[in-house]
């Protein structure tokens, strides 16, 4: 399945403990249907000391969220669904995502 959310998009969490928080998408995992959002779903993890982390201890880490729990944010800062418009450029048709709330390209 192809996801409409891409790396670098601004999204709003619409379900779960972090509902209402907006953040930037850091990474997309299409096979698992999850997205990693900056500053959302932070959990604590116990880590052993290693070469990278000499002290070890408890580390706060962002974990991925299912893509159905996030919604893209348009230019007016409102959550929106997306659509696809085809534009002609140099004789070729190019697919462009647009926000259904204000009809502007994303």
PDB file of N, CA and C in Angstrom:
ATOM      1  N   UNK A   1       0.839  -1.184   0.000  1.00  0.00           N
ATOM      2  CA  UNK A   1       0.000   0.000   0.000  1.00  0.00           C
ATOM      3  C   UNK A   1       0.882   1.244   0.000  1.00  0.00           C
ATOM      4  N   UNK A   2       0.524   2.227  -0.802  1.00  0.00           N
ATOM      5  CA  UNK A   2       1.296   3.454  -0.883  1.00  0.00           C
ATOM      6  C   UNK A   2       0.716   4.472   0.093  1.00  0.00           C
ATOM      7  N   UNK A   3       1.570   5.064   0.913  1.00  0.00           N
ATOM      8  CA  UNK A   3       1.124   6.042   1.892  1.00  0.00           C
ATOM      9  C   UNK A   3       1.163   7.435   1.293  1.00  0.00           C
ATOM     10  N   UNK A   4       0.208   8.285   1.681  1.00  0.00           N
ATOM     11  CA  UNK A   4       0.174   9.655   1.180  1.00  0.00           C
ATOM     12  C   UNK A   4       1.032  10.586   2.026  1.00  0.00           C
ATOM     13  N   UNK A   5       1.531  10.085   3.144  1.00  0.00           N
ATOM     14  CA  UNK A   5       2.382  10.891   4.030  1.00  0.00           C
ATOM     15  C   UNK A   5       3.831  10.639   3.662  1.00  0.00           C
ATOM     16  N   UNK A   6       4.586  11.710   3.526  1.00  0.00           N
ATOM     17  CA  UNK A   6       5.983  11.600   3.116  1.00  0.00           C
ATOM     18  C   UNK A   6       6.902  12.230   4.153  1.00  0.00           C
ATOM     19  N   UNK A   7       8.180  11.903   4.076  1.00  0.00           N
ATOM     20  CA  UNK A   7       9.184  12.444   4.985  1.00  0.00           C
ATOM     21  C   UNK A   7       9.237  13.965   4.826  1.00  0.00           C
ATOM     22  N   UNK A   8       9.230  14.681   5.945  1.00  0.00           N
ATOM     23  CA  UNK A   8       9.290  16.141   5.920  1.00  0.00           C
ATOM     24  C   UNK A   8       7.934  16.816   6.015  1.00  0.00           C
ATOM     25  N   UNK A   9       6.833  16.063   5.873  1.00  0.00           N
ATOM     26  CA  UNK A   9       5.492  16.641   5.991  1.00  0.00           C
ATOM     27  C   UNK A   9       5.209  17.034   7.434  1.00  0.00           C
ATOM     28  N   UNK A  10       4.330  18.018   7.604  1.00  0.00           N
ATOM     29  CA  UNK A  10       3.852  18.383   8.928  1.00  0.00           C
ATOM     30  C   UNK A  10       2.532  17.675   9.151  1.00  0.00           C
ATOM     31  N   UNK A  11       2.447  16.952  10.271  1.00  0.00           N
ATOM     32  CA  UNK A  11       1.241  16.174  10.561  1.00  0.00           C
ATOM     33  C   UNK A  11       0.728  16.488  11.956  1.00  0.00           C
ATOM     34  N   UNK A  12      -0.539  16.171  12.184  1.00  0.00           N
ATOM     35  CA  UNK A  12      -1.161  16.316  13.495  1.00  0.00           C
ATOM     36  C   UNK A  12      -1.609  14.942  13.954  1.00  0.00           C
ATOM     37  N   UNK A  13      -1.380  14.637  15.237  1.00  0.00           N
ATOM     38  CA  UNK A  13      -1.818  13.366  15.814  1.00  0.00           C
ATOM     39  C   UNK A  13      -3.307  13.475  16.111  1.00  0.00           C
ATOM     40  N   UNK A  14      -4.097  12.515  15.620  1.00  0.00           N
ATOM     41  CA  UNK A  14      -5.553  12.590  15.790  1.00  0.00           C
ATOM     42  C   UNK A  14      -6.090  11.543  16.760  1.00  0.00           C
ATOM     43  N   UNK A  15      -5.213  10.647  17.262  1.00  0.00           N
ATOM     44  CA  UNK A  15      -5.664   9.624  18.209  1.00  0.00           C
ATOM     45  C   UNK A  15      -4.505   9.229  19.110  1.00  0.00           C
ATOM     46  N   UNK A  16      -4.828   8.793  20.310  1.00  0.00           N
ATOM     47  CA  UNK A  16      -3.809   8.310  21.235  1.00  0.00           C
ATOM     48  C   UNK A  16      -3.457   9.320  22.311  1.00  0.00           C
ATOM     49  N   UNK A  17      -2.390   9.022  23.063  1.00  0.00           N
ATOM     50  CA  UNK A  17      -1.976   9.868  24.186  1.00  0.00           C
ATOM     51  C   UNK A  17      -1.515  11.256  23.751  1.00  0.00           C
ATOM     52  N   UNK A  18      -0.963  11.380  22.557  1.00  0.00           N
ATOM     53  CA  UNK A  18      -0.419  12.652  22.079  1.00  0.00           C
ATOM     54  C   UNK A  18      -1.390  13.371  21.148  1.00  0.00           C
ATOM     55  N   UNK A  19      -2.680  13.129  21.276  1.00  0.00           N
ATOM     56  CA  UNK A  19      -3.691  13.706  20.392  1.00  0.00           C
ATOM     57  C   UNK A  19      -3.609  15.234  20.394  1.00  0.00           C
ATOM     58  N   UNK A  20      -3.616  15.825  19.182  1.00  0.00           N
ATOM     59  CA  UNK A  20      -3.581  17.281  19.047  1.00  0.00           C
ATOM     60  C   UNK A  20      -2.208  17.864  18.816  1.00  0.00           C
ATOM     61  N   UNK A  21      -1.147  17.092  19.020  1.00  0.00           N
ATOM     62  CA  UNK A  21       0.218  17.591  18.841  1.00  0.00           C
ATOM     63  C   UNK A  21       0.580  17.557  17.359  1.00  0.00           C
ATOM     64  N   UNK A  22       1.236  18.623  16.895  1.00  0.00           N
ATOM     65  CA  UNK A  22       1.716  18.640  15.515  1.00  0.00           C
ATOM     66  C   UNK A  22       3.227  18.461  15.517  1.00  0.00           C
ATOM     67  N   UNK A  23       3.738  17.850  14.474  1.00  0.00           N
ATOM     68  CA  UNK A  23       5.173  17.616  14.365  1.00  0.00           C
ATOM     69  C   UNK A  23       5.551  17.268  12.936  1.00  0.00           C
ATOM     70  N   UNK A  24       6.861  17.206  12.697  1.00  0.00           N
ATOM     71  CA  UNK A  24       7.391  16.916  11.372  1.00  0.00           C
ATOM     72  C   UNK A  24       7.689  15.424  11.264  1.00  0.00           C
ATOM     73  N   UNK A  25       7.422  14.840  10.106  1.00  0.00           N
ATOM     74  CA  UNK A  25       7.681  13.416   9.877  1.00  0.00           C
ATOM     75  C   UNK A  25       9.173  13.238   9.627  1.00  0.00           C
ATOM     76  N   UNK A  26       9.822  12.411  10.453  1.00  0.00           N
ATOM     77  CA  UNK A  26      11.250  12.159  10.322  1.00  0.00           C
ATOM     78  C   UNK A  26      11.528  10.969   9.418  1.00  0.00           C
ATOM     79  N   UNK A  27      10.649   9.966   9.461  1.00  0.00           N
ATOM     80  CA  UNK A  27      10.862   8.764   8.667  1.00  0.00           C
ATOM     81  C   UNK A  27       9.527   8.060   8.438  1.00  0.00           C
ATOM     82  N   UNK A  28       9.428   7.378   7.297  1.00  0.00           N
ATOM     83  CA  UNK A  28       8.214   6.637   6.952  1.00  0.00           C
ATOM     84  C   UNK A  28       8.592   5.169   6.763  1.00  0.00           C
ATOM     85  N   UNK A  29       7.804   4.276   7.366  1.00  0.00           N
ATOM     86  CA  UNK A  29       8.004   2.833   7.234  1.00  0.00           C
ATOM     87  C   UNK A  29       6.794   2.252   6.504  1.00  0.00           C
ATOM     88  N   UNK A  30       6.808   2.216   5.146  1.00  0.00           N
ATOM     89  CA  UNK A  30       5.609   1.802   4.410  1.00  0.00           C
ATOM     90  C   UNK A  30       5.211   0.344   4.618  1.00  0.00           C
ATOM     91  N   UNK A  31       6.149  -0.554   4.829  1.00  0.00           N
ATOM     92  CA  UNK A  31       5.792  -1.954   5.033  1.00  0.00           C
ATOM     93  C   UNK A  31       5.079  -2.176   6.358  1.00  0.00           C
ATOM     94  N   UNK A  32       5.475  -1.445   7.387  1.00  0.00           N
ATOM     95  CA  UNK A  32       4.833  -1.549   8.698  1.00  0.00           C
ATOM     96  C   UNK A  32       3.675  -0.571   8.834  1.00  0.00           C
ATOM     97  N   UNK A  33       3.503   0.322   7.837  1.00  0.00           N
ATOM     98  CA  UNK A  33       2.454   1.353   7.825  1.00  0.00           C
ATOM     99  C   UNK A  33       2.560   2.264   9.043  1.00  0.00           C
ATOM    100  N   UNK A  34       3.789   2.697   9.344  1.00  0.00           N
ATOM    101  CA  UNK A  34       4.037   3.559  10.486  1.00  0.00           C
ATOM    102  C   UNK A  34       4.866   4.767  10.069  1.00  0.00           C
ATOM    103  N   UNK A  35       4.765   5.845  10.850  1.00  0.00           N
ATOM    104  CA  UNK A  35       5.566   7.047  10.612  1.00  0.00           C
ATOM    105  C   UNK A  35       6.202   7.481  11.933  1.00  0.00           C
ATOM    106  N   UNK A  36       7.419   8.015  11.829  1.00  0.00           N
ATOM    107  CA  UNK A  36       8.128   8.526  12.994  1.00  0.00           C
ATOM    108  C   UNK A  36       7.969  10.037  12.993  1.00  0.00           C
ATOM    109  N   UNK A  37       7.315  10.576  14.041  1.00  0.00           N
ATOM    110  CA  UNK A  37       7.019  11.998  14.119  1.00  0.00           C
ATOM    111  C   UNK A  37       7.867  12.623  15.220  1.00  0.00           C
ATOM    112  N   UNK A  38       8.428  13.788  14.932  1.00  0.00           N
ATOM    113  CA  UNK A  38       9.315  14.486  15.855  1.00  0.00           C
ATOM    114  C   UNK A  38       8.557  14.922  17.114  1.00  0.00           C
ATOM    115  N   UNK A  39       9.035  14.507  18.287  1.00  0.00           N
ATOM    116  CA  UNK A  39       8.469  14.918  19.562  1.00  0.00           C
ATOM    117  C   UNK A  39       7.186  14.211  19.964  1.00  0.00           C
ATOM    118  N   UNK A  40       6.872  13.095  19.324  1.00  0.00           N
ATOM    119  CA  UNK A  40       5.616  12.375  19.604  1.00  0.00           C
ATOM    120  C   UNK A  40       5.937  10.931  19.972  1.00  0.00           C
ATOM    121  N   UNK A  41       5.130  10.347  20.856  1.00  0.00           N
ATOM    122  CA  UNK A  41       5.258   8.948  21.279  1.00  0.00           C
ATOM    123  C   UNK A  41       6.639   8.677  21.885  1.00  0.00           C
ATOM    124  N   UNK A  42       7.029   9.520  22.824  1.00  0.00           N
ATOM    125  CA  UNK A  42       8.332   9.379  23.484  1.00  0.00           C
ATOM    126  C   UNK A  42       8.209   8.359  24.610  1.00  0.00           C
ATOM    127  N   UNK A  43       9.081   7.364  24.577  1.00  0.00           N
ATOM    128  CA  UNK A  43       9.107   6.308  25.582  1.00  0.00           C
ATOM    129  C   UNK A  43      10.499   6.214  26.184  1.00  0.00           C
ATOM    130  N   UNK A  44      10.581   5.658  27.376  1.00  0.00           N
ATOM    131  CA  UNK A  44      11.871   5.482  28.039  1.00  0.00           C
ATOM    132  C   UNK A  44      12.376   4.073  27.777  1.00  0.00           C
ATOM    133  N   UNK A  45      13.675   3.964  27.510  1.00  0.00           N
ATOM    134  CA  UNK A  45      14.278   2.668  27.205  1.00  0.00           C
ATOM    135  C   UNK A  45      15.535   2.509  28.055  1.00  0.00           C
ATOM    136  N   UNK A  46      15.690   1.333  28.668  1.00  0.00           N
ATOM    137  CA  UNK A  46      16.882   1.033  29.445  1.00  0.00           C
ATOM    138  C   UNK A  46      17.944   0.510  28.496  1.00  0.00           C
ATOM    139  N   UNK A  47      19.133   1.148  28.516  1.00  0.00           N
ATOM    140  CA  UNK A  47      20.206   0.725  27.622  1.00  0.00           C
ATOM    141  C   UNK A  47      21.448   0.343  28.406  1.00  0.00           C
ATOM    142  N   UNK A  48      22.080  -0.740  27.950  1.00  0.00           N
ATOM    143  CA  UNK A  48      23.352  -1.146  28.529  1.00  0.00           C
ATOM    144  C   UNK A  48      24.440  -0.193  28.042  1.00  0.00           C
ATOM    145  N   UNK A  49      25.513  -0.051  28.797  1.00  0.00           N
ATOM    146  CA  UNK A  49      26.640   0.740  28.293  1.00  0.00           C
ATOM    147  C   UNK A  49      27.237   0.089  27.041  1.00  0.00           C
ATOM    148  N   UNK A  50      27.577   0.921  26.057  1.00  0.00           N
ATOM    149  CA  UNK A  50      28.179   0.427  24.819  1.00  0.00           C
ATOM    150  C   UNK A  50      29.246   1.423  24.377  1.00  0.00           C
ATOM    151  N   UNK A  51      29.844   1.186  23.224  1.00  0.00           N
ATOM    152  CA  UNK A  51      30.878   2.099  22.735  1.00  0.00           C
ATOM    153  C   UNK A  51      30.289   3.459  22.390  1.00  0.00           C
ATOM    154  N   UNK A  52      29.063   3.477  21.854  1.00  0.00           N
ATOM    155  CA  UNK A  52      28.415   4.745  21.518  1.00  0.00           C
ATOM    156  C   UNK A  52      27.927   5.470  22.770  1.00  0.00           C
ATOM    157  N   UNK A  53      27.280   4.723  23.676  1.00  0.00           N
ATOM    158  CA  UNK A  53      26.724   5.293  24.895  1.00  0.00           C
ATOM    159  C   UNK A  53      27.477   4.698  26.087  1.00  0.00           C
ATOM    160  N   UNK A  54      28.545   5.353  26.498  1.00  0.00           N
ATOM    161  CA  UNK A  54      29.436   4.821  27.531  1.00  0.00           C
ATOM    162  C   UNK A  54      28.738   4.680  28.882  1.00  0.00           C
ATOM    163  N   UNK A  55      27.850   5.606  29.218  1.00  0.00           N
ATOM    164  CA  UNK A  55      27.245   5.578  30.543  1.00  0.00           C
ATOM    165  C   UNK A  55      26.044   4.635  30.638  1.00  0.00           C
ATOM    166  N   UNK A  56      25.340   4.414  29.528  1.00  0.00           N
ATOM    167  CA  UNK A  56      24.139   3.580  29.580  1.00  0.00           C
ATOM    168  C   UNK A  56      23.028   4.300  30.313  1.00  0.00           C
ATOM    169  N   UNK A  57      22.116   3.570  30.936  1.00  0.00           N
ATOM    170  CA  UNK A  57      21.051   4.184  31.722  1.00  0.00           C
ATOM    171  C   UNK A  57      19.733   4.239  30.971  1.00  0.00           C
ATOM    172  N   UNK A  58      18.860   5.156  31.416  1.00  0.00           N
ATOM    173  CA  UNK A  58      17.525   5.293  30.836  1.00  0.00           C
ATOM    174  C   UNK A  58      17.560   6.399  29.789  1.00  0.00           C
ATOM    175  N   UNK A  59      17.113   6.058  28.569  1.00  0.00           N
ATOM    176  CA  UNK A  59      17.153   6.995  27.444  1.00  0.00           C
ATOM    177  C   UNK A  59      15.732   7.219  26.935  1.00  0.00           C
ATOM    178  N   UNK A  60      15.366   8.466  26.660  1.00  0.00           N
ATOM    179  CA  UNK A  60      14.071   8.775  26.045  1.00  0.00           C
ATOM    180  C   UNK A  60      14.201   8.659  24.540  1.00  0.00           C
ATOM    181  N   UNK A  61      13.234   7.989  23.915  1.00  0.00           N
ATOM    182  CA  UNK A  61      13.319   7.706  22.498  1.00  0.00           C
ATOM    183  C   UNK A  61      11.952   7.883  21.839  1.00  0.00           C
ATOM    184  N   UNK A  62      11.931   8.423  20.604  1.00  0.00           N
ATOM    185  CA  UNK A  62      10.691   8.547  19.847  1.00  0.00           C
ATOM    186  C   UNK A  62      10.427   7.229  19.131  1.00  0.00           C
ATOM    187  N   UNK A  63       9.200   6.749  19.218  1.00  0.00           N
ATOM    188  CA  UNK A  63       8.830   5.513  18.547  1.00  0.00           C
ATOM    189  C   UNK A  63       7.801   5.815  17.449  1.00  0.00           C
ATOM    190  N   UNK A  64       7.735   4.968  16.415  1.00  0.00           N
ATOM    191  CA  UNK A  64       6.797   5.202  15.317  1.00  0.00           C
ATOM    192  C   UNK A  64       5.336   5.098  15.754  1.00  0.00           C
ATOM    193  N   UNK A  65       4.471   5.797  15.005  1.00  0.00           N
ATOM    194  CA  UNK A  65       3.029   5.815  15.239  1.00  0.00           C
ATOM    195  C   UNK A  65       2.364   5.269  13.980  1.00  0.00           C
ATOM    196  N   UNK A  66       1.255   4.554  14.112  1.00  0.00           N
ATOM    197  CA  UNK A  66       0.549   4.050  12.942  1.00  0.00           C
ATOM    198  C   UNK A  66       0.043   5.226  12.111  1.00  0.00           C
ATOM    199  N   UNK A  67       0.141   5.097  10.787  1.00  0.00           N
ATOM    200  CA  UNK A  67      -0.181   6.230   9.919  1.00  0.00           C
ATOM    201  C   UNK A  67      -1.650   6.632   9.986  1.00  0.00           C
ATOM    202  N   UNK A  68      -2.539   5.737  10.418  1.00  0.00           N
ATOM    203  CA  UNK A  68      -3.958   6.082  10.531  1.00  0.00           C
ATOM    204  C   UNK A  68      -4.220   7.031  11.699  1.00  0.00           C
ATOM    205  N   UNK A  69      -3.245   7.182  12.592  1.00  0.00           N
ATOM    206  CA  UNK A  69      -3.399   8.073  13.740  1.00  0.00           C
ATOM    207  C   UNK A  69      -2.835   9.464  13.489  1.00  0.00           C
ATOM    208  N   UNK A  70      -2.391   9.735  12.273  1.00  0.00           N
ATOM    209  CA  UNK A  70      -1.885  11.065  11.936  1.00  0.00           C
ATOM    210  C   UNK A  70      -2.624  11.601  10.719  1.00  0.00           C
ATOM    211  N   UNK A  71      -2.666  12.945  10.621  1.00  0.00           N
ATOM    212  CA  UNK A  71      -3.334  13.598   9.502  1.00  0.00           C
ATOM    213  C   UNK A  71      -2.474  14.761   9.043  1.00  0.00           C
ATOM    214  N   UNK A  72      -2.328  14.921   7.745  1.00  0.00           N
ATOM    215  CA  UNK A  72      -1.534  16.017   7.199  1.00  0.00           C
ATOM    216  C   UNK A  72      -2.124  17.362   7.597  1.00  0.00           C
ATOM    217  N   UNK A  73      -1.256  18.369   7.722  1.00  0.00           N
ATOM    218  CA  UNK A  73      -1.678  19.721   8.058  1.00  0.00           C
ATOM    219  C   UNK A  73      -1.469  20.599   6.825  1.00  0.00           C
ATOM    220  N   UNK A  74      -2.497  21.389   6.471  1.00  0.00           N
ATOM    221  CA  UNK A  74      -2.384  22.248   5.289  1.00  0.00           C
ATOM    222  C   UNK A  74      -1.700  23.565   5.641  1.00  0.00           C
ATOM    223  N   UNK A  75      -1.644  24.483   4.679  1.00  0.00           N
ATOM    224  CA  UNK A  75      -0.956  25.759   4.879  1.00  0.00           C
ATOM    225  C   UNK A  75      -1.672  26.653   5.890  1.00  0.00           C
ATOM    226  N   UNK A  76      -2.966  26.400   6.155  1.00  0.00           N
ATOM    227  CA  UNK A  76      -3.723  27.171   7.157  1.00  0.00           C
ATOM    228  C   UNK A  76      -3.654  26.537   8.537  1.00  0.00           C
ATOM    229  N   UNK A  77      -2.810  25.532   8.713  1.00  0.00           N
ATOM    230  CA  UNK A  77      -2.597  24.814   9.978  1.00  0.00           C
ATOM    231  C   UNK A  77      -3.815  24.020  10.421  1.00  0.00           C
ATOM    232  N   UNK A  78      -4.599  23.532   9.453  1.00  0.00           N
ATOM    233  CA  UNK A  78      -5.756  22.683   9.746  1.00  0.00           C
ATOM    234  C   UNK A  78      -5.485  21.272   9.250  1.00  0.00           C
ATOM    235  N   UNK A  79      -5.933  20.244   9.983  1.00  0.00           N
ATOM    236  CA  UNK A  79      -5.770  18.871   9.482  1.00  0.00           C
ATOM    237  C   UNK A  79      -6.616  18.674   8.225  1.00  0.00           C
ATOM    238  N   UNK A  80      -6.083  17.938   7.275  1.00  0.00           N
ATOM    239  CA  UNK A  80      -6.764  17.791   5.992  1.00  0.00           C
ATOM    240  C   UNK A  80      -6.541  16.418   5.394  1.00  0.00           C
ATOM    241  N   UNK A  81      -7.459  16.021   4.520  1.00  0.00           N
ATOM    242  CA  UNK A  81      -7.257  14.850   3.690  1.00  0.00           C
ATOM    243  C   UNK A  81      -6.546  15.316   2.425  1.00  0.00           C
ATOM    244  N   UNK A  82      -6.017  14.372   1.663  1.00  0.00           N
ATOM    245  CA  UNK A  82      -5.281  14.757   0.466  1.00  0.00           C
ATOM    246  C   UNK A  82      -5.939  14.191  -0.778  1.00  0.00           C
ATOM    247  N   UNK A  83      -5.665  14.856  -1.883  1.00  0.00           N
ATOM    248  CA  UNK A  83      -6.105  14.391  -3.182  1.00  0.00           C
ATOM    249  C   UNK A  83      -4.946  14.538  -4.154  1.00  0.00           C
ATOM    250  N   UNK A  84      -5.135  14.063  -5.378  1.00  0.00           N
ATOM    251  CA  UNK A  84      -4.087  14.162  -6.386  1.00  0.00           C
ATOM    252  C   UNK A  84      -4.641  14.905  -7.596  1.00  0.00           C
ATOM    253  N   UNK A  85      -3.907  15.934  -8.035  1.00  0.00           N
ATOM    254  CA  UNK A  85      -4.228  16.650  -9.260  1.00  0.00           C
ATOM    255  C   UNK A  85      -3.096  16.411 -10.238  1.00  0.00           C
ATOM    256  N   UNK A  86      -3.428  16.381 -11.501  1.00  0.00           N
ATOM    257  CA  UNK A  86      -2.406  16.200 -12.525  1.00  0.00           C
ATOM    258  C   UNK A  86      -2.173  17.520 -13.232  1.00  0.00           C
ATOM    259  N   UNK A  87      -0.899  17.950 -13.266  1.00  0.00           N
ATOM    260  CA  UNK A  87      -0.525  19.195 -13.918  1.00  0.00           C
ATOM    261  C   UNK A  87       0.391  18.895 -15.092  1.00  0.00           C
ATOM    262  N   UNK A  88       0.292  19.729 -16.103  1.00  0.00           N
ATOM    263  CA  UNK A  88       1.114  19.565 -17.299  1.00  0.00           C
ATOM    264  C   UNK A  88       2.367  20.417 -17.149  1.00  0.00           C
ATOM    265  N   UNK A  89       3.541  19.770 -17.270  1.00  0.00           N
ATOM    266  CA  UNK A  89       4.810  20.483 -17.178  1.00  0.00           C
ATOM    267  C   UNK A  89       5.756  19.928 -18.233  1.00  0.00           C
ATOM    268  N   UNK A  90       6.209  20.784 -19.143  1.00  0.00           N
ATOM    269  CA  UNK A  90       7.122  20.378 -20.221  1.00  0.00           C
ATOM    270  C   UNK A  90       6.558  19.216 -21.043  1.00  0.00           C
ATOM    271  N   UNK A  91       5.242  19.217 -21.260  1.00  0.00           N
ATOM    272  CA  UNK A  91       4.623  18.179 -22.059  1.00  0.00           C
ATOM    273  C   UNK A  91       4.370  16.871 -21.325  1.00  0.00           C
ATOM    274  N   UNK A  92       4.654  16.823 -20.037  1.00  0.00           N
ATOM    275  CA  UNK A  92       4.428  15.609 -19.247  1.00  0.00           C
ATOM    276  C   UNK A  92       3.419  15.902 -18.144  1.00  0.00           C
ATOM    277  N   UNK A  93       2.634  14.895 -17.794  1.00  0.00           N
ATOM    278  CA  UNK A  93       1.703  15.044 -16.679  1.00  0.00           C
ATOM    279  C   UNK A  93       2.402  14.663 -15.387  1.00  0.00           C
ATOM    280  N   UNK A  94       2.286  15.537 -14.384  1.00  0.00           N
ATOM    281  CA  UNK A  94       2.909  15.306 -13.088  1.00  0.00           C
ATOM    282  C   UNK A  94       1.811  15.277 -12.024  1.00  0.00           C
ATOM    283  N   UNK A  95       1.860  14.266 -11.162  1.00  0.00           N
ATOM    284  CA  UNK A  95       0.894  14.155 -10.066  1.00  0.00           C
ATOM    285  C   UNK A  95       1.333  15.048  -8.914  1.00  0.00           C
ATOM    286  N   UNK A  96       0.403  15.871  -8.414  1.00  0.00           N
ATOM    287  CA  UNK A  96       0.692  16.799  -7.320  1.00  0.00           C
ATOM    288  C   UNK A  96      -0.333  16.571  -6.219  1.00  0.00           C
ATOM    289  N   UNK A  97       0.133  16.436  -4.974  1.00  0.00           N
ATOM    290  CA  UNK A  97      -0.776  16.294  -3.837  1.00  0.00           C
ATOM    291  C   UNK A  97      -1.369  17.657  -3.500  1.00  0.00           C
ATOM    292  N   UNK A  98      -2.652  17.678  -3.106  1.00  0.00           N
ATOM    293  CA  UNK A  98      -3.264  18.930  -2.679  1.00  0.00           C
ATOM    294  C   UNK A  98      -4.145  18.675  -1.462  1.00  0.00           C
ATOM    295  N   UNK A  99      -4.340  19.735  -0.665  1.00  0.00           N
ATOM    296  CA  UNK A  99      -5.171  19.654   0.536  1.00  0.00           C
ATOM    297  C   UNK A  99      -6.632  19.824   0.139  1.00  0.00           C
ATOM    298  N   UNK A 100      -7.479  18.959   0.639  1.00  0.00           N
ATOM    299  CA  UNK A 100      -8.903  19.038   0.280  1.00  0.00           C
ATOM    300  C   UNK A 100      -9.612  20.188   1.003  1.00  0.00           C
ATOM    301  N   UNK A 101      -9.032  20.708   2.089  1.00  0.00           N
ATOM    302  CA  UNK A 101      -9.682  21.784   2.824  1.00  0.00           C
ATOM    303  C   UNK A 101      -9.574  23.117   2.098  1.00  0.00           C
ATOM    304  N   UNK A 102      -8.395  23.431   1.547  1.00  0.00           N
ATOM    305  CA  UNK A 102      -8.237  24.735   0.901  1.00  0.00           C
ATOM    306  C   UNK A 102      -7.781  24.626  -0.562  1.00  0.00           C
ATOM    307  N   UNK A 103      -7.746  23.406  -1.116  1.00  0.00           N
ATOM    308  CA  UNK A 103      -7.435  23.171  -2.517  1.00  0.00           C
ATOM    309  C   UNK A 103      -6.035  23.660  -2.929  1.00  0.00           C
ATOM    310  N   UNK A 104      -5.102  23.811  -1.980  1.00  0.00           N
ATOM    311  CA  UNK A 104      -3.731  24.252  -2.297  1.00  0.00           C
ATOM    312  C   UNK A 104      -2.797  23.047  -2.320  1.00  0.00           C
ATOM    313  N   UNK A 105      -1.740  23.157  -3.110  1.00  0.00           N
ATOM    314  CA  UNK A 105      -0.753  22.069  -3.208  1.00  0.00           C
ATOM    315  C   UNK A 105       0.006  21.933  -1.900  1.00  0.00           C
ATOM    316  N   UNK A 106       0.380  20.699  -1.588  1.00  0.00           N
ATOM    317  CA  UNK A 106       1.160  20.437  -0.365  1.00  0.00           C
ATOM    318  C   UNK A 106       2.647  20.391  -0.668  1.00  0.00           C
TER     319      UNK A 106
END
